[in-house]
Structures are given as C-alpha cells and as structure tokens.
PDB file of N, CA and C in Angstrom:
ATOM      1  N   UNK A   1      33.323  81.626   4.825  1.00  0.00           N
ATOM      2  CA  UNK A   1      33.030  80.118   5.551  1.00  0.00           C
ATOM      3  C   UNK A   1      32.876  79.443   4.008  1.00  0.00           C
ATOM      4  N   UNK A   2      32.800  78.718   4.219  1.00  0.00           N
ATOM      5  CA  UNK A   2      33.081  77.892   2.692  1.00  0.00           C
ATOM      6  C   UNK A   2      31.548  76.959   3.266  1.00  0.00           C
ATOM      7  N   UNK A   3      30.611  76.956   1.551  1.00  0.00           N
ATOM      8  CA  UNK A   3      29.208  75.554   1.289  1.00  0.00           C
ATOM      9  C   UNK A   3      29.970  75.104   1.679  1.00  0.00           C
ATOM     10  N   UNK A   4      28.861  73.618   1.959  1.00  0.00           N
ATOM     11  CA  UNK A   4      29.691  72.379   2.216  1.00  0.00           C
ATOM     12  C   UNK A   4      29.047  71.629   0.667  1.00  0.00           C
ATOM     13  N   UNK A   5      28.473  71.692   0.229  1.00  0.00           N
ATOM     14  CA  UNK A   5      27.609  71.643  -1.497  1.00  0.00           C
ATOM     15  C   UNK A   5      29.236  71.938  -1.663  1.00  0.00           C
ATOM     16  N   UNK A   6      30.016  72.895  -1.687  1.00  0.00           N
ATOM     17  CA  UNK A   6      31.484  72.771  -3.010  1.00  0.00           C
ATOM     18  C   UNK A   6      32.967  71.913  -1.525  1.00  0.00           C
ATOM     19  N   UNK A   7      32.515  71.562  -0.923  1.00  0.00           N
ATOM     20  CA  UNK A   7      33.346  71.029  -0.989  1.00  0.00           C
ATOM     21  C   UNK A   7      33.703  69.321  -1.273  1.00  0.00           C
ATOM     22  N   UNK A   8      32.125  69.065  -1.563  1.00  0.00           N
ATOM     23  CA  UNK A   8      31.881  67.532  -1.555  1.00  0.00           C
ATOM     24  C   UNK A   8      31.383  67.710  -2.565  1.00  0.00           C
ATOM     25  N   UNK A   9      31.832  68.390  -3.299  1.00  0.00           N
ATOM     26  CA  UNK A   9      30.538  68.417  -4.587  1.00  0.00           C
ATOM     27  C   UNK A   9      31.911  67.404  -6.099  1.00  0.00           C
ATOM     28  N   UNK A  10      32.587  67.443  -5.957  1.00  0.00           N
ATOM     29  CA  UNK A  10      34.058  66.414  -6.435  1.00  0.00           C
ATOM     30  C   UNK A  10      34.415  65.080  -6.165  1.00  0.00           C
ATOM     31  N   UNK A  11      33.842  64.683  -4.935  1.00  0.00           N
ATOM     32  CA  UNK A  11      33.107  63.193  -5.204  1.00  0.00           C
ATOM     33  C   UNK A  11      31.986  62.639  -5.049  1.00  0.00           C
ATOM     34  N   UNK A  12      31.283  63.881  -4.624  1.00  0.00           N
ATOM     35  CA  UNK A  12      29.837  62.748  -5.322  1.00  0.00           C
ATOM     36  C   UNK A  12      30.245  62.981  -6.640  1.00  0.00           C
ATOM     37  N   UNK A  13      30.716  64.023  -8.252  1.00  0.00           N
ATOM     38  CA  UNK A  13      30.315  63.350  -9.133  1.00  0.00           C
ATOM     39  C   UNK A  13      31.801  61.819  -9.351  1.00  0.00           C
ATOM     40  N   UNK A  14      32.765  61.658  -8.812  1.00  0.00           N
ATOM     41  CA  UNK A  14      32.750  60.755  -8.887  1.00  0.00           C
ATOM     42  C   UNK A  14      31.910  59.162  -8.384  1.00  0.00           C
ATOM     43  N   UNK A  15      31.567  59.569  -8.038  1.00  0.00           N
ATOM     44  CA  UNK A  15      30.157  58.420  -6.567  1.00  0.00           C
ATOM     45  C   UNK A  15      29.845  58.402  -8.085  1.00  0.00           C
ATOM     46  N   UNK A  16      29.103  59.099  -8.779  1.00  0.00           N
ATOM     47  CA  UNK A  16      28.214  58.819  -9.549  1.00  0.00           C
ATOM     48  C   UNK A  16      28.329  58.733 -10.940  1.00  0.00           C
ATOM     49  N   UNK A  17      29.496  58.614 -11.007  1.00  0.00           N
ATOM     50  CA  UNK A  17      30.424  57.988 -12.304  1.00  0.00           C
ATOM     51  C   UNK A  17      30.144  56.486 -11.652  1.00  0.00           C
ATOM     52  N   UNK A  18      30.648  56.458 -10.927  1.00  0.00           N
ATOM     53  CA  UNK A  18      31.013  54.982 -10.483  1.00  0.00           C
ATOM     54  C   UNK A  18      29.535  53.965 -10.493  1.00  0.00           C
ATOM     55  N   UNK A  19      28.028  54.776  -9.550  1.00  0.00           N
ATOM     56  CA  UNK A  19      27.233  54.358  -9.678  1.00  0.00           C
ATOM     57  C   UNK A  19      26.607  53.880 -11.463  1.00  0.00           C
ATOM     58  N   UNK A  20      26.955  55.111 -12.440  1.00  0.00           N
ATOM     59  CA  UNK A  20      26.309  54.720 -14.190  1.00  0.00           C
ATOM     60  C   UNK A  20      26.993  53.544 -14.436  1.00  0.00           C
ATOM     61  N   UNK A  21      28.977  53.730 -14.449  1.00  0.00           N
ATOM     62  CA  UNK A  21      28.824  52.511 -15.246  1.00  0.00           C
ATOM     63  C   UNK A  21      28.281  50.464 -14.444  1.00  0.00           C
ATOM     64  N   UNK A  22      28.654  51.126 -13.034  1.00  0.00           N
ATOM     65  CA  UNK A  22      27.715  49.702 -12.299  1.00  0.00           C
ATOM     66  C   UNK A  22      26.358  49.616 -12.743  1.00  0.00           C
ATOM     67  N   UNK A  23      25.906  50.607 -13.522  1.00  0.00           N
ATOM     68  CA  UNK A  23      24.395  50.214 -14.175  1.00  0.00           C
ATOM     69  C   UNK A  23      24.029  49.902 -15.238  1.00  0.00           C
ATOM     70  N   UNK A  24      25.722  50.462 -16.352  1.00  0.00           N
ATOM     71  CA  UNK A  24      25.688  50.653 -16.778  1.00  0.00           C
ATOM     72  C   UNK A  24      25.607  49.039 -17.809  1.00  0.00           C
ATOM     73  N   UNK A  25      26.710  48.207 -16.850  1.00  0.00           N
ATOM     74  CA  UNK A  25      27.700  47.275 -16.834  1.00  0.00           C
ATOM     75  C   UNK A  25      26.130  46.229 -16.366  1.00  0.00           C
ATOM     76  N   UNK A  26      25.697  46.330 -15.339  1.00  0.00           N
ATOM     77  CA  UNK A  26      24.548  45.320 -15.403  1.00  0.00           C
ATOM     78  C   UNK A  26      22.877  45.960 -16.306  1.00  0.00           C
ATOM     79  N   UNK A  27      22.632  46.732 -16.883  1.00  0.00           N
ATOM     80  CA  UNK A  27      22.160  46.139 -18.077  1.00  0.00           C
ATOM     81  C   UNK A  27      22.298  45.468 -19.343  1.00  0.00           C
ATOM     82  N   UNK A  28      23.662  45.458 -19.561  1.00  0.00           N
ATOM     83  CA  UNK A  28      24.607  44.868 -20.439  1.00  0.00           C
ATOM     84  C   UNK A  28      23.797  43.281 -19.426  1.00  0.00           C
ATOM     85  N   UNK A  29      23.600  42.471 -18.671  1.00  0.00           N
ATOM     86  CA  UNK A  29      23.786  41.798 -18.261  1.00  0.00           C
ATOM     87  C   UNK A  29      22.251  41.176 -18.034  1.00  0.00           C
ATOM     88  N   UNK A  30      21.556  42.159 -17.957  1.00  0.00           N
ATOM     89  CA  UNK A  30      20.234  42.336 -17.797  1.00  0.00           C
ATOM     90  C   UNK A  30      19.577  42.301 -19.770  1.00  0.00           C
ATOM     91  N   UNK A  31      19.840  42.827 -20.369  1.00  0.00           N
ATOM     92  CA  UNK A  31      19.803  42.340 -21.632  1.00  0.00           C
ATOM     93  C   UNK A  31      19.566  41.288 -22.235  1.00  0.00           C
ATOM     94  N   UNK A  32      20.793  40.769 -21.585  1.00  0.00           N
ATOM     95  CA  UNK A  32      21.334  38.665 -21.880  1.00  0.00           C
ATOM     96  C   UNK A  32      19.934  37.977 -21.303  1.00  0.00           C
ATOM     97  N   UNK A  33      19.476  37.913 -19.764  1.00  0.00           N
ATOM     98  CA  UNK A  33      19.246  37.448 -18.992  1.00  0.00           C
ATOM     99  C   UNK A  33      17.775  37.389 -19.398  1.00  0.00           C
ATOM    100  N   UNK A  34      17.040  38.853 -19.393  1.00  0.00           N
ATOM    101  CA  UNK A  34      15.719  38.936 -18.735  1.00  0.00           C
ATOM    102  C   UNK A  34      14.890  38.866 -20.788  1.00  0.00           C
ATOM    103  N   UNK A  35      14.089  38.386 -20.765  1.00  0.00           N
ATOM    104  CA  UNK A  35      13.273  38.450 -21.874  1.00  0.00           C
ATOM    105  C   UNK A  35      12.286  39.803 -22.019  1.00  0.00           C
ATOM    106  N   UNK A  36      12.297  40.711 -20.861  1.00  0.00           N
ATOM    107  CA  UNK A  36      11.513  41.806 -21.114  1.00  0.00           C
ATOM    108  C   UNK A  36      11.863  42.955 -21.150  1.00  0.00           C
ATOM    109  N   UNK A  37      13.149  43.077 -20.866  1.00  0.00           N
ATOM    110  CA  UNK A  37      14.574  43.712 -20.511  1.00  0.00           C
ATOM    111  C   UNK A  37      15.135  43.915 -21.870  1.00  0.00           C
ATOM    112  N   UNK A  38      14.748  42.665 -23.282  1.00  0.00           N
ATOM    113  CA  UNK A  38      15.614  42.259 -24.126  1.00  0.00           C
ATOM    114  C   UNK A  38      14.472  42.855 -25.224  1.00  0.00           C
ATOM    115  N   UNK A  39      13.115  42.665 -25.094  1.00  0.00           N
ATOM    116  CA  UNK A  39      12.743  43.834 -26.070  1.00  0.00           C
ATOM    117  C   UNK A  39      12.317  44.619 -25.788  1.00  0.00           C
ATOM    118  N   UNK A  40      12.812  44.990 -24.742  1.00  0.00           N
ATOM    119  CA  UNK A  40      12.735  47.216 -24.784  1.00  0.00           C
ATOM    120  C   UNK A  40      14.191  47.333 -25.959  1.00  0.00           C
ATOM    121  N   UNK A  41      15.107  46.422 -25.204  1.00  0.00           N
ATOM    122  CA  UNK A  41      16.207  47.172 -25.428  1.00  0.00           C
ATOM    123  C   UNK A  41      15.830  46.724 -27.475  1.00  0.00           C
ATOM    124  N   UNK A  42      15.787  46.109 -27.609  1.00  0.00           N
ATOM    125  CA  UNK A  42      15.437  45.432 -29.259  1.00  0.00           C
ATOM    126  C   UNK A  42      14.670  46.941 -29.868  1.00  0.00           C
ATOM    127  N   UNK A  43      13.817  46.614 -28.854  1.00  0.00           N
ATOM    128  CA  UNK A  43      13.086  47.795 -29.551  1.00  0.00           C
ATOM    129  C   UNK A  43      13.724  49.410 -29.992  1.00  0.00           C
ATOM    130  N   UNK A  44      14.120  50.295 -28.920  1.00  0.00           N
ATOM    131  CA  UNK A  44      15.152  50.864 -28.423  1.00  0.00           C
ATOM    132  C   UNK A  44      16.400  50.720 -29.692  1.00  0.00           C
ATOM    133  N   UNK A  45      16.416  49.526 -30.071  1.00  0.00           N
ATOM    134  CA  UNK A  45      18.260  49.647 -30.637  1.00  0.00           C
ATOM    135  C   UNK A  45      18.025  49.402 -32.042  1.00  0.00           C
ATOM    136  N   UNK A  46      16.707  49.306 -32.216  1.00  0.00           N
ATOM    137  CA  UNK A  46      15.985  49.445 -34.319  1.00  0.00           C
ATOM    138  C   UNK A  46      16.804  50.428 -34.238  1.00  0.00           C
ATOM    139  N   UNK A  47      15.878  51.776 -33.540  1.00  0.00           N
ATOM    140  CA  UNK A  47      15.359  53.199 -34.044  1.00  0.00           C
ATOM    141  C   UNK A  47      17.180  53.811 -33.595  1.00  0.00           C
ATOM    142  N   UNK A  48      16.959  53.605 -32.552  1.00  0.00           N
ATOM    143  CA  UNK A  48      18.916  54.547 -32.232  1.00  0.00           C
ATOM    144  C   UNK A  48      19.947  53.144 -31.991  1.00  0.00           C
ATOM    145  N   UNK A  49      21.226  53.626 -31.626  1.00  0.00           N
ATOM    146  CA  UNK A  49      22.794  53.387 -31.628  1.00  0.00           C
ATOM    147  C   UNK A  49      21.469  51.804 -30.000  1.00  0.00           C
ATOM    148  N   UNK A  50      23.308  51.626 -30.302  1.00  0.00           N
ATOM    149  CA  UNK A  50      23.038  50.260 -29.277  1.00  0.00           C
ATOM    150  C   UNK A  50      23.355  50.659 -27.913  1.00  0.00           C
ATOM    151  N   UNK A  51      24.770  52.276 -27.857  1.00  0.00           N
ATOM    152  CA  UNK A  51      24.700  52.837 -26.468  1.00  0.00           C
ATOM    153  C   UNK A  51      23.296  53.416 -26.168  1.00  0.00           C
ATOM    154  N   UNK A  52      22.561  53.396 -26.716  1.00  0.00           N
ATOM    155  CA  UNK A  52      21.840  54.776 -26.434  1.00  0.00           C
ATOM    156  C   UNK A  52      20.464  53.678 -26.018  1.00  0.00           C
ATOM    157  N   UNK A  53      20.626  52.537 -26.320  1.00  0.00           N
ATOM    158  CA  UNK A  53      19.608  51.855 -26.494  1.00  0.00           C
ATOM    159  C   UNK A  53      20.491  50.641 -24.955  1.00  0.00           C
ATOM    160  N   UNK A  54      20.827  50.615 -24.888  1.00  0.00           N
ATOM    161  CA  UNK A  54      21.988  50.466 -23.167  1.00  0.00           C
ATOM    162  C   UNK A  54      21.449  50.981 -21.877  1.00  0.00           C
ATOM    163  N   UNK A  55      21.788  52.420 -22.324  1.00  0.00           N
ATOM    164  CA  UNK A  55      20.973  53.519 -21.007  1.00  0.00           C
ATOM    165  C   UNK A  55      19.647  53.549 -20.553  1.00  0.00           C
ATOM    166  N   UNK A  56      19.626  53.240 -21.904  1.00  0.00           N
ATOM    167  CA  UNK A  56      17.938  53.444 -21.660  1.00  0.00           C
ATOM    168  C   UNK A  56      17.705  52.477 -20.816  1.00  0.00           C
ATOM    169  N   UNK A  57      18.278  50.821 -20.913  1.00  0.00           N
ATOM    170  CA  UNK A  57      18.163  50.171 -19.894  1.00  0.00           C
ATOM    171  C   UNK A  57      18.505  50.831 -18.648  1.00  0.00           C
ATOM    172  N   UNK A  58      19.403  51.049 -18.799  1.00  0.00           N
ATOM    173  CA  UNK A  58      20.162  50.722 -16.525  1.00  0.00           C
ATOM    174  C   UNK A  58      19.364  52.470 -16.537  1.00  0.00           C
ATOM    175  N   UNK A  59      18.590  53.131 -17.215  1.00  0.00           N
ATOM    176  CA  UNK A  59      17.343  54.003 -16.181  1.00  0.00           C
ATOM    177  C   UNK A  59      16.063  53.038 -15.925  1.00  0.00           C
ATOM    178  N   UNK A  60      15.992  52.203 -17.345  1.00  0.00           N
ATOM    179  CA  UNK A  60      14.536  50.982 -16.729  1.00  0.00           C
ATOM    180  C   UNK A  60      14.917  50.819 -15.677  1.00  0.00           C
ATOM    181  N   UNK A  61      16.177  50.295 -15.659  1.00  0.00           N
ATOM    182  CA  UNK A  61      16.612  49.012 -14.003  1.00  0.00           C
ATOM    183  C   UNK A  61      16.565  50.145 -13.440  1.00  0.00           C
ATOM    184  N   UNK A  62      16.426  51.180 -12.948  1.00  0.00           N
ATOM    185  CA  UNK A  62      17.013  52.245 -11.955  1.00  0.00           C
ATOM    186  C   UNK A  62      15.416  52.498 -10.894  1.00  0.00           C
ATOM    187  N   UNK A  63      14.289  53.005 -11.831  1.00  0.00           N
ATOM    188  CA  UNK A  63      13.391  53.077 -12.235  1.00  0.00           C
ATOM    189  C   UNK A  63      12.513  51.628 -12.176  1.00  0.00           C
ATOM    190  N   UNK A  64      13.252  50.613 -11.751  1.00  0.00           N
ATOM    191  CA  UNK A  64      11.997  49.415 -11.290  1.00  0.00           C
ATOM    192  C   UNK A  64      13.057  48.871  -9.644  1.00  0.00           C
ATOM    193  N   UNK A  65      14.276  49.644 -10.151  1.00  0.00           N
ATOM    194  CA  UNK A  65      15.136  49.547  -8.255  1.00  0.00           C
ATOM    195  C   UNK A  65      14.530  50.449  -7.273  1.00  0.00           C
ATOM    196  N   UNK A  66      13.549  52.016  -8.064  1.00  0.00           N
ATOM    197  CA  UNK A  66      13.539  52.715  -7.159  1.00  0.00           C
ATOM    198  C   UNK A  66      11.776  51.832  -6.852  1.00  0.00           C
ATOM    199  N   UNK A  67      11.382  51.543  -7.146  1.00  0.00           N
ATOM    200  CA  UNK A  67       9.841  51.104  -7.733  1.00  0.00           C
ATOM    201  C   UNK A  67       9.640  50.350  -5.797  1.00  0.00           C
ATOM    202  N   UNK A  68      10.581  48.835  -6.361  1.00  0.00           N
ATOM    203  CA  UNK A  68      11.140  48.058  -5.555  1.00  0.00           C
ATOM    204  C   UNK A  68      11.230  48.299  -4.318  1.00  0.00           C
ATOM    205  N   UNK A  69      11.768  49.509  -4.088  1.00  0.00           N
ATOM    206  CA  UNK A  69      12.663  50.057  -3.107  1.00  0.00           C
ATOM    207  C   UNK A  69      11.606  50.502  -1.795  1.00  0.00           C
ATOM    208  N   UNK A  70      10.359  51.030  -2.734  1.00  0.00           N
ATOM    209  CA  UNK A  70       9.822  52.451  -2.057  1.00  0.00           C
ATOM    210  C   UNK A  70       8.816  51.509  -1.430  1.00  0.00           C
ATOM    211  N   UNK A  71       8.281  50.626  -2.618  1.00  0.00           N
ATOM    212  CA  UNK A  71       7.023  49.980  -1.919  1.00  0.00           C
ATOM    213  C   UNK A  71       6.983  48.596  -0.973  1.00  0.00           C
ATOM    214  N   UNK A  72       8.217  48.460  -0.734  1.00  0.00           N
ATOM    215  CA  UNK A  72       8.820  47.378  -0.276  1.00  0.00           C
ATOM    216  C   UNK A  72       8.138  45.704  -0.578  1.00  0.00           C
ATOM    217  N   UNK A  73       8.089  45.793  -1.744  1.00  0.00           N
ATOM    218  CA  UNK A  73       7.804  45.097  -2.178  1.00  0.00           C
ATOM    219  C   UNK A  73       8.583  43.730  -3.136  1.00  0.00           C
ATOM    220  N   UNK A  74       9.129  42.742  -2.764  1.00  0.00           N
ATOM    221  CA  UNK A  74      10.223  42.493  -4.147  1.00  0.00           C
ATOM    222  C   UNK A  74       9.489  41.623  -4.910  1.00  0.00           C
ATOM    223  N   UNK A  75       8.513  41.540  -5.207  1.00  0.00           N
ATOM    224  CA  UNK A  75       7.982  40.497  -6.723  1.00  0.00           C
ATOM    225  C   UNK A  75       7.515  41.145  -6.870  1.00  0.00           C
ATOM    226  N   UNK A  76       7.387  42.697  -6.680  1.00  0.00           N
ATOM    227  CA  UNK A  76       6.835  43.655  -7.499  1.00  0.00           C
ATOM    228  C   UNK A  76       6.928  43.199  -8.931  1.00  0.00           C
ATOM    229  N   UNK A  77       8.862  42.814  -9.335  1.00  0.00           N
ATOM    230  CA  UNK A  77       8.616  43.169 -10.681  1.00  0.00           C
ATOM    231  C   UNK A  77       9.229  41.737 -10.805  1.00  0.00           C
ATOM    232  N   UNK A  78       9.453  40.580 -11.541  1.00  0.00           N
ATOM    233  CA  UNK A  78      10.060  39.357 -11.672  1.00  0.00           C
ATOM    234  C   UNK A  78       8.691  38.194 -11.470  1.00  0.00           C
ATOM    235  N   UNK A  79       8.871  37.450 -11.312  1.00  0.00           N
ATOM    236  CA  UNK A  79       8.755  36.357 -11.115  1.00  0.00           C
ATOM    237  C   UNK A  79       8.080  36.003  -9.222  1.00  0.00           C
ATOM    238  N   UNK A  80       6.977  35.703  -9.614  1.00  0.00           N
ATOM    239  CA  UNK A  80       6.671  35.818  -7.970  1.00  0.00           C
ATOM    240  C   UNK A  80       6.907  34.649  -7.147  1.00  0.00           C
ATOM    241  N   UNK A  81       7.136  33.723  -7.304  1.00  0.00           N
ATOM    242  CA  UNK A  81       6.787  31.779  -7.286  1.00  0.00           C
ATOM    243  C   UNK A  81       8.559  32.412  -6.869  1.00  0.00           C
ATOM    244  N   UNK A  82       9.049  32.483  -7.554  1.00  0.00           N
ATOM    245  CA  UNK A  82      10.685  32.676  -6.604  1.00  0.00           C
ATOM    246  C   UNK A  82      11.397  33.340  -5.942  1.00  0.00           C
ATOM    247  N   UNK A  83      10.232  34.758  -5.874  1.00  0.00           N
ATOM    248  CA  UNK A  83      10.995  35.842  -4.499  1.00  0.00           C
ATOM    249  C   UNK A  83      10.297  34.575  -3.674  1.00  0.00           C
ATOM    250  N   UNK A  84       9.152  34.724  -3.833  1.00  0.00           N
ATOM    251  CA  UNK A  84       8.646  33.618  -2.243  1.00  0.00           C
ATOM    252  C   UNK A  84       9.483  32.661  -1.737  1.00  0.00           C
ATOM    253  N   UNK A  85       9.927  32.143  -3.034  1.00  0.00           N
ATOM    254  CA  UNK A  85      10.311  30.661  -2.378  1.00  0.00           C
ATOM    255  C   UNK A  85      12.343  31.418  -2.087  1.00  0.00           C
ATOM    256  N   UNK A  86      12.385  32.364  -2.241  1.00  0.00           N
ATOM    257  CA  UNK A  86      14.245  32.563  -2.063  1.00  0.00           C
ATOM    258  C   UNK A  86      13.419  33.383  -0.452  1.00  0.00           C
ATOM    259  N   UNK A  87      12.931  33.671  -0.446  1.00  0.00           N
ATOM    260  CA  UNK A  87      12.724  35.218   1.224  1.00  0.00           C
ATOM    261  C   UNK A  87      12.161  34.107   1.921  1.00  0.00           C
ATOM    262  N   UNK A  88      10.667  32.730   1.720  1.00  0.00           N
ATOM    263  CA  UNK A  88      10.965  31.939   2.784  1.00  0.00           C
ATOM    264  C   UNK A  88      11.518  30.861   3.101  1.00  0.00           C
ATOM    265  N   UNK A  89      12.497  30.494   2.000  1.00  0.00           N
ATOM    266  CA  UNK A  89      13.578  29.682   2.661  1.00  0.00           C
ATOM    267  C   UNK A  89      14.843  30.069   2.374  1.00  0.00           C
TER     268      UNK A  89
END
C-alpha cells in the first residue's frame, strides 16, 4: 500500500511554486505602493541584492497575511479608517 504523501508530493511542489511566484509578484507591487514595505525593501537591498530583498518582502507579506487571518482583524496592518470604511460600506 502506498503512502498518501508520496502520491501527492509532486502536486504540492507545483502548488508551492505557484504561490511563491504570486507572492513575489505581490512583493514587487507592495514595494511600489506601500511606504513601510518600501523602506524595508530599501534597507535590505542596500545590504543584499534586489532579488533577496524582494524575497524578504514576500516573506514579510506572508507574515502579515497570517497575522491578519489568525487574529481576524483586517485593520491589524494598514490604515484603520480605510479598513473600517470598506467593511462598513
């Protein structure tokens, strides 16, 4: 009898690659649109390469997404007034 994790391992790797690509694309957008993320990116890009800085931003985005989803508080990161307007209106 085969192990279930062995049967689906290839699909998981493909799925993770897709998520990684999406996160890197989101990181590029975030660097341009969010001043806090841009400062974080600039600080790392000075010490390391631009590619490593983008991956660090992608990781930071994952941490932000996890924090928002686990606390169920959309105003945890970002402008609280804009978030309240979106959720109420």
